[in-house]
């Protein structure tokens, strides 16, 4: 049986995974807007790059953490 610390650890990994999914959807929506507007493309360019880097970091964390 998992201890409360292990449950808490797993809960936080789940939250991190949920946040990663949210970021992926957010980036997809920004890229969709970019295809529709040249103005938005310039506006969102930096945000998209930052979020993609954030997704990569989260992915590395999730791959290297142990789930109990």
C-alpha atoms as a PDB file:
ATOM      1  CA  UNK A   1       0.000   0.000   0.000  1.00  0.00           C
ATOM      2  CA  UNK A   2       1.261   3.446  -0.897  1.00  0.00           C
ATOM      3  CA  UNK A   3       2.118   5.856   1.875  1.00  0.00           C
ATOM      4  CA  UNK A   4       0.678   9.365   2.026  1.00  0.00           C
ATOM      5  CA  UNK A   5       4.000  10.748   0.759  1.00  0.00           C
ATOM      6  CA  UNK A   6       3.898   8.443  -2.250  1.00  0.00           C
ATOM      7  CA  UNK A   7       0.276   9.378  -2.962  1.00  0.00           C
ATOM      8  CA  UNK A   8       1.156  13.062  -2.724  1.00  0.00           C
ATOM      9  CA  UNK A   9       4.124  12.511  -5.038  1.00  0.00           C
ATOM     10  CA  UNK A  10       1.927  10.748  -7.607  1.00  0.00           C
ATOM     11  CA  UNK A  11      -0.728  13.468  -7.310  1.00  0.00           C
ATOM     12  CA  UNK A  12       1.837  16.129  -8.158  1.00  0.00           C
ATOM     13  CA  UNK A  13       3.105  14.111 -11.113  1.00  0.00           C
ATOM     14  CA  UNK A  14      -0.509  13.880 -12.318  1.00  0.00           C
ATOM     15  CA  UNK A  15      -0.889  17.656 -11.970  1.00  0.00           C
ATOM     16  CA  UNK A  16       2.314  18.184 -13.928  1.00  0.00           C
ATOM     17  CA  UNK A  17       1.049  15.864 -16.656  1.00  0.00           C
ATOM     18  CA  UNK A  18      -2.268  17.751 -16.769  1.00  0.00           C
ATOM     19  CA  UNK A  19      -0.375  21.046 -17.088  1.00  0.00           C
ATOM     20  CA  UNK A  20       1.707  19.605 -19.938  1.00  0.00           C
ATOM     21  CA  UNK A  21      -1.484  18.587 -21.767  1.00  0.00           C
ATOM     22  CA  UNK A  22      -2.900  22.083 -21.196  1.00  0.00           C
ATOM     23  CA  UNK A  23       0.256  23.668 -22.664  1.00  0.00           C
ATOM     24  CA  UNK A  24       0.138  21.403 -25.713  1.00  0.00           C
ATOM     25  CA  UNK A  25      -3.471  22.436 -26.392  1.00  0.00           C
ATOM     26  CA  UNK A  26      -2.601  26.105 -25.788  1.00  0.00           C
ATOM     27  CA  UNK A  27       0.321  25.986 -28.248  1.00  0.00           C
ATOM     28  CA  UNK A  28      -1.863  24.235 -30.829  1.00  0.00           C
ATOM     29  CA  UNK A  29      -4.484  26.971 -30.487  1.00  0.00           C
ATOM     30  CA  UNK A  30      -1.851  29.713 -30.861  1.00  0.00           C
ATOM     31  CA  UNK A  31      -0.430  28.015 -33.951  1.00  0.00           C
ATOM     32  CA  UNK A  32      -3.943  27.775 -35.410  1.00  0.00           C
ATOM     33  CA  UNK A  33      -4.408  31.523 -34.877  1.00  0.00           C
ATOM     34  CA  UNK A  34      -1.002  32.135 -36.474  1.00  0.00           C
ATOM     35  CA  UNK A  35      -2.122  30.441 -39.680  1.00  0.00           C
ATOM     36  CA  UNK A  36      -5.117  32.772 -39.831  1.00  0.00           C
ATOM     37  CA  UNK A  37      -3.385  36.091 -39.154  1.00  0.00           C
ATOM     38  CA  UNK A  38       0.054  37.445 -40.003  1.00  0.00           C
ATOM     39  CA  UNK A  39      -0.223  39.962 -37.142  1.00  0.00           C
ATOM     40  CA  UNK A  40      -0.873  37.205 -34.609  1.00  0.00           C
ATOM     41  CA  UNK A  41       2.004  35.176 -36.020  1.00  0.00           C
ATOM     42  CA  UNK A  42       4.494  37.861 -35.008  1.00  0.00           C
ATOM     43  CA  UNK A  43       2.686  38.450 -31.716  1.00  0.00           C
ATOM     44  CA  UNK A  44       2.599  34.785 -30.645  1.00  0.00           C
ATOM     45  CA  UNK A  45       6.001  33.698 -31.949  1.00  0.00           C
ATOM     46  CA  UNK A  46       7.905  34.222 -28.690  1.00  0.00           C
ATOM     47  CA  UNK A  47       5.110  32.803 -26.531  1.00  0.00           C
ATOM     48  CA  UNK A  48       4.986  29.628 -28.620  1.00  0.00           C
ATOM     49  CA  UNK A  49       8.752  29.136 -28.341  1.00  0.00           C
ATOM     50  CA  UNK A  50       8.668  29.643 -24.559  1.00  0.00           C
ATOM     51  CA  UNK A  51       5.788  27.202 -24.097  1.00  0.00           C
ATOM     52  CA  UNK A  52       7.460  24.560 -26.270  1.00  0.00           C
ATOM     53  CA  UNK A  53      10.601  24.831 -24.125  1.00  0.00           C
ATOM     54  CA  UNK A  54       8.426  24.532 -21.018  1.00  0.00           C
ATOM     55  CA  UNK A  55       6.787  21.393 -22.450  1.00  0.00           C
ATOM     56  CA  UNK A  56      10.233  19.886 -23.077  1.00  0.00           C
ATOM     57  CA  UNK A  57      11.308  20.554 -19.478  1.00  0.00           C
ATOM     58  CA  UNK A  58       8.111  19.064 -18.078  1.00  0.00           C
ATOM     59  CA  UNK A  59       8.524  16.042 -20.329  1.00  0.00           C
ATOM     60  CA  UNK A  60      12.076  15.472 -19.040  1.00  0.00           C
ATOM     61  CA  UNK A  61      10.873  15.740 -15.439  1.00  0.00           C
ATOM     62  CA  UNK A  62       8.052  13.276 -16.017  1.00  0.00           C
ATOM     63  CA  UNK A  63      10.337  10.794 -17.760  1.00  0.00           C
ATOM     64  CA  UNK A  64      12.906  10.896 -14.951  1.00  0.00           C
ATOM     65  CA  UNK A  65      10.572  10.754 -11.950  1.00  0.00           C
ATOM     66  CA  UNK A  66       9.516   7.488 -10.346  1.00  0.00           C
ATOM     67  CA  UNK A  67       5.804   6.833  -9.941  1.00  0.00           C
ATOM     68  CA  UNK A  68       4.873   4.803  -6.879  1.00  0.00           C
END
